[in-house]
Amino acid sequence: MHGIEGGDDLGLTFTGLTFTGMAESLARIDAGLRELRRDALLELLMPAVEPSRTRAVLTAHGLPSRAAVEALYGWRGGTGPGDARLGDISMLPGFYLLTLDDALANYEAFLPDARWAPGWLPLFANGGGDFYVADLGGEMAGSVRHFRIDESEHPVDFLTLADMARTMAAAFDRGVFFVDSHGHLEMNDLDFAAVAAELNPRVPWWVD
């Protein structure tokens, strides 16, 4: 697929980024959310899920677990129910972190779709059928794709979930993510694309 290789497992390394690096990126995302006063989201984020629990739930649905997904849910358990608007709970502009139960419910719902592949676990959703999905199996196992409900093809955006977390963290650090006049998390698309291209030089979506 455009000559790029599959993502590495967090149990060893993520494209040169260690497990400690993943934890550091998540901590920077957390700090960015606090600095931007994303209070509604912070209040709704669920407690961490034990890696063994994530592994067991995925296995029960016939899905292999990956340490990166376990690390993500071991940081925060997803976005809980509440009255907040999507713009108030976005962790990535336009997208919120699904709970593991919601991720699996969406997985089962979209699995019959011919554009969906077995092993694509949705992690972030926009509430309208678009997702960032972690590929848990196949030749690009470990990568993250952007599933767009109105498109027929869904290319790789990040070779690993750690790469996605690092890119998000950099966007917070550099002010690419900001809060607009309505209190919603937004970004300059061109600025984010530039950061993503810098940090993901092997991904055609960003550099071609």
Protein backbone atom coordinates (compact mmCIF):
# COMPACT_ATOMS: atom_id res chain seq x y z
CA MET A 1 0.00 0.00 0.00
CA HIS A 2 2.04 2.92 -1.31
CA GLY A 3 5.14 1.20 0.05
CA ILE A 4 4.51 1.95 3.72
CA GLU A 5 5.03 -0.67 6.38
CA GLY A 6 2.67 -1.79 9.08
CA GLY A 7 2.80 -0.23 12.55
CA ASP A 8 4.90 -1.64 15.36
CA ASP A 9 3.40 -3.09 18.51
CA LEU A 10 3.57 -0.89 21.62
CA GLY A 11 4.95 -3.86 23.52
CA LEU A 12 8.27 -3.11 21.79
CA THR A 13 8.40 0.24 20.02
CA PHE A 14 6.22 2.55 17.95
CA THR A 15 8.22 3.77 14.99
CA GLY A 16 11.03 4.68 17.37
CA LEU A 17 8.62 5.82 20.09
CA THR A 18 8.69 3.71 23.26
CA PHE A 19 5.85 2.89 25.60
CA THR A 20 7.11 5.75 27.75
CA GLY A 21 6.74 8.00 24.72
CA MET A 22 3.09 7.02 24.32
CA ALA A 23 2.43 7.82 27.98
CA GLU A 24 4.23 11.14 27.56
CA SER A 25 2.07 12.05 24.55
CA LEU A 26 -1.10 11.25 26.46
CA ALA A 27 0.10 13.36 29.38
CA ARG A 28 0.75 16.27 27.00
CA ILE A 29 -2.75 15.86 25.54
CA ASP A 30 -4.15 15.93 29.07
CA ALA A 31 -2.18 19.10 29.82
CA GLY A 32 -3.39 20.67 26.58
CA LEU A 33 -7.01 19.96 27.43
CA ARG A 34 -6.57 21.55 30.83
CA GLU A 35 -4.77 24.58 29.45
CA LEU A 36 -7.63 25.16 27.01
CA ARG A 37 -10.15 24.72 29.85
CA ARG A 38 -11.94 21.78 28.27
CA ASP A 39 -13.80 21.37 31.55
CA ALA A 40 -16.93 19.68 30.16
CA LEU A 41 -14.82 17.01 28.49
CA LEU A 42 -12.55 16.52 31.49
CA GLU A 43 -15.59 15.99 33.70
CA LEU A 44 -17.05 13.39 31.34
CA LEU A 45 -13.89 11.39 30.70
CA MET A 46 -14.27 7.95 32.24
CA PRO A 47 -11.77 6.35 34.62
CA ALA A 48 -8.94 4.30 33.21
CA VAL A 49 -9.63 0.72 32.15
CA GLU A 50 -7.22 -1.98 33.26
CA PRO A 51 -5.30 -3.42 30.29
CA SER A 52 -6.42 -6.92 31.22
CA ARG A 53 -10.05 -5.76 31.04
CA THR A 54 -9.56 -4.16 27.61
CA ARG A 55 -7.86 -7.32 26.40
CA ALA A 56 -10.64 -9.55 27.72
CA VAL A 57 -13.43 -7.44 26.19
CA LEU A 58 -11.76 -7.34 22.77
CA THR A 59 -11.07 -11.07 22.87
CA ALA A 60 -14.72 -11.73 23.71
CA HIS A 61 -15.64 -9.94 20.47
CA GLY A 62 -13.17 -11.97 18.46
CA LEU A 63 -10.68 -9.12 18.19
CA PRO A 64 -6.97 -9.24 18.98
CA SER A 65 -5.80 -6.69 21.50
CA ARG A 66 -2.88 -4.34 20.97
CA ALA A 67 -0.86 -2.71 23.69
CA ALA A 68 -1.46 0.73 22.15
CA VAL A 69 -5.22 0.40 22.55
CA GLU A 70 -4.73 -0.92 26.07
CA ALA A 71 -2.54 2.10 26.82
CA LEU A 72 -5.13 4.54 25.47
CA TYR A 73 -7.92 3.09 27.58
CA GLY A 74 -5.50 2.70 30.46
CA TRP A 75 -5.24 6.51 30.38
CA ARG A 76 -8.93 7.41 30.02
CA GLY A 77 -11.89 5.09 29.59
CA GLY A 78 -13.66 7.16 26.96
CA THR A 79 -16.29 9.90 27.10
CA GLY A 80 -19.20 9.19 29.39
CA PRO A 81 -22.82 10.24 28.88
CA GLY A 82 -23.87 13.81 29.53
CA ASP A 83 -25.65 16.87 28.16
CA ALA A 84 -22.55 18.48 26.64
CA ARG A 85 -22.47 19.27 22.92
CA LEU A 86 -20.04 17.57 20.56
CA GLY A 87 -18.02 20.77 20.36
CA ASP A 88 -17.57 20.67 24.12
CA ILE A 89 -16.33 17.09 24.33
CA SER A 90 -14.01 16.90 21.32
CA MET A 91 -10.51 15.67 22.13
CA LEU A 92 -9.47 16.04 18.49
CA PRO A 93 -11.43 18.80 16.69
CA GLY A 94 -14.74 17.26 15.70
CA PHE A 95 -14.02 13.90 17.35
CA TYR A 96 -14.50 12.50 20.84
CA LEU A 97 -13.02 9.41 22.48
CA LEU A 98 -15.43 6.47 22.51
CA THR A 99 -15.82 4.23 25.52
CA LEU A 100 -14.75 0.67 24.85
CA ASP A 101 -18.39 -0.46 24.92
CA ASP A 102 -19.39 2.23 22.41
CA ALA A 103 -16.39 1.40 20.25
CA LEU A 104 -17.46 -2.24 20.06
CA ALA A 105 -21.11 -1.34 19.45
CA ASN A 106 -20.07 0.81 16.48
CA TYR A 107 -17.72 -1.92 15.29
CA GLU A 108 -20.54 -4.46 15.22
CA ALA A 109 -22.88 -1.95 13.53
CA PHE A 110 -20.44 -1.11 10.73
CA LEU A 111 -18.98 -4.57 10.21
CA PRO A 112 -21.58 -5.49 7.53
CA ASP A 113 -20.62 -2.36 5.54
CA ALA A 114 -18.54 -3.43 2.54
CA ARG A 115 -16.21 -0.48 3.14
CA TRP A 116 -15.41 -1.65 6.67
CA ALA A 117 -12.82 -4.33 7.40
CA PRO A 118 -12.74 -6.88 10.21
CA GLY A 119 -10.41 -5.63 12.90
CA TRP A 120 -11.10 -1.92 12.43
CA LEU A 121 -11.88 -0.76 15.96
CA PRO A 122 -13.32 2.78 16.11
CA LEU A 123 -11.66 4.87 18.81
CA PHE A 124 -12.71 8.44 18.00
CA ALA A 125 -16.09 9.41 16.53
CA ASN A 126 -17.70 12.58 15.19
CA GLY A 127 -21.27 11.47 15.91
CA GLY A 128 -22.14 11.35 12.21
CA GLY A 129 -20.52 8.12 11.06
CA ASP A 130 -16.90 9.21 10.70
CA PHE A 131 -14.28 7.51 12.86
CA TYR A 132 -10.60 7.16 13.51
CA VAL A 133 -10.15 3.40 13.62
CA ALA A 134 -7.28 1.30 14.92
CA ASP A 135 -6.51 -1.57 12.57
CA LEU A 136 -6.13 -4.57 14.87
CA GLY A 137 -5.39 -7.07 12.11
CA GLY A 138 -4.28 -7.42 8.52
CA GLU A 139 -1.23 -6.19 6.67
CA MET A 140 -1.48 -2.73 8.23
CA ALA A 141 -2.08 -3.94 11.78
CA GLY A 142 -1.33 -1.22 14.29
CA SER A 143 -2.13 1.66 11.95
CA VAL A 144 -4.91 4.25 12.29
CA ARG A 145 -7.31 5.06 9.46
CA HIS A 146 -9.83 7.86 9.07
CA PHE A 147 -13.12 6.22 8.08
CA ARG A 148 -15.27 8.77 6.27
CA ILE A 149 -18.91 7.79 5.92
CA ASP A 150 -19.25 9.52 2.54
CA GLU A 151 -16.09 8.01 1.02
CA SER A 152 -15.34 4.59 -0.44
CA GLU A 153 -11.64 4.46 0.48
CA HIS A 154 -10.10 5.07 3.87
CA PRO A 155 -6.34 5.49 3.74
CA VAL A 156 -3.93 5.24 6.63
CA ASP A 157 -3.48 8.52 8.52
CA PHE A 158 -0.97 7.24 11.09
CA LEU A 159 1.26 4.17 11.09
CA THR A 160 0.60 3.64 14.79
CA LEU A 161 -1.71 4.89 17.49
CA ALA A 162 1.37 6.28 19.24
CA ASP A 163 2.10 8.38 16.15
CA MET A 164 -1.44 9.74 16.29
CA ALA A 165 -1.08 10.59 19.99
CA ARG A 166 2.28 12.27 19.36
CA THR A 167 0.77 14.34 16.54
CA MET A 168 -2.19 15.38 18.68
CA ALA A 169 0.15 16.31 21.53
CA ALA A 170 2.25 18.46 19.19
CA ALA A 171 -0.91 20.18 17.94
CA PHE A 172 -1.79 21.13 21.51
CA ASP A 173 1.79 22.19 22.30
CA ARG A 174 2.06 24.43 19.22
CA GLY A 175 -1.36 26.05 19.50
CA VAL A 176 -2.70 24.36 16.37
CA PHE A 177 -5.69 23.24 18.43
CA PHE A 178 -7.57 26.20 19.90
CA VAL A 179 -10.96 27.12 21.34
CA ASP A 180 -13.17 29.27 19.11
CA SER A 181 -15.63 31.97 20.13
CA HIS A 182 -18.32 29.33 20.69
CA GLY A 183 -16.13 27.37 23.07
CA HIS A 184 -15.51 24.55 20.60
CA LEU A 185 -12.17 22.89 19.99
CA GLU A 186 -11.01 23.83 16.50
CA MET A 187 -7.86 23.79 14.38
CA ASN A 188 -6.35 25.31 11.28
CA ASP A 189 -6.44 22.39 8.85
CA LEU A 190 -3.33 23.49 6.96
CA ASP A 191 -1.34 23.94 10.16
CA PHE A 192 -2.38 20.51 11.41
CA ALA A 193 -1.49 18.94 8.07
CA ALA A 194 1.96 20.53 8.29
CA VAL A 195 2.53 19.12 11.78
CA ALA A 196 1.25 15.71 10.70
CA ALA A 197 3.54 15.70 7.64
CA GLU A 198 6.53 16.62 9.79
CA LEU A 199 5.88 13.86 12.32
CA ASN A 200 4.59 11.22 9.88
CA PRO A 201 6.89 11.51 6.84
CA ARG A 202 6.22 7.92 5.71
CA VAL A 203 2.46 8.38 5.40
CA PRO A 204 1.38 9.31 1.85
CA TRP A 205 -1.85 10.94 3.07
CA TRP A 206 0.20 13.78 4.61
CA VAL A 207 3.16 14.08 2.27
CA ASP A 208 1.89 13.28 -1.22
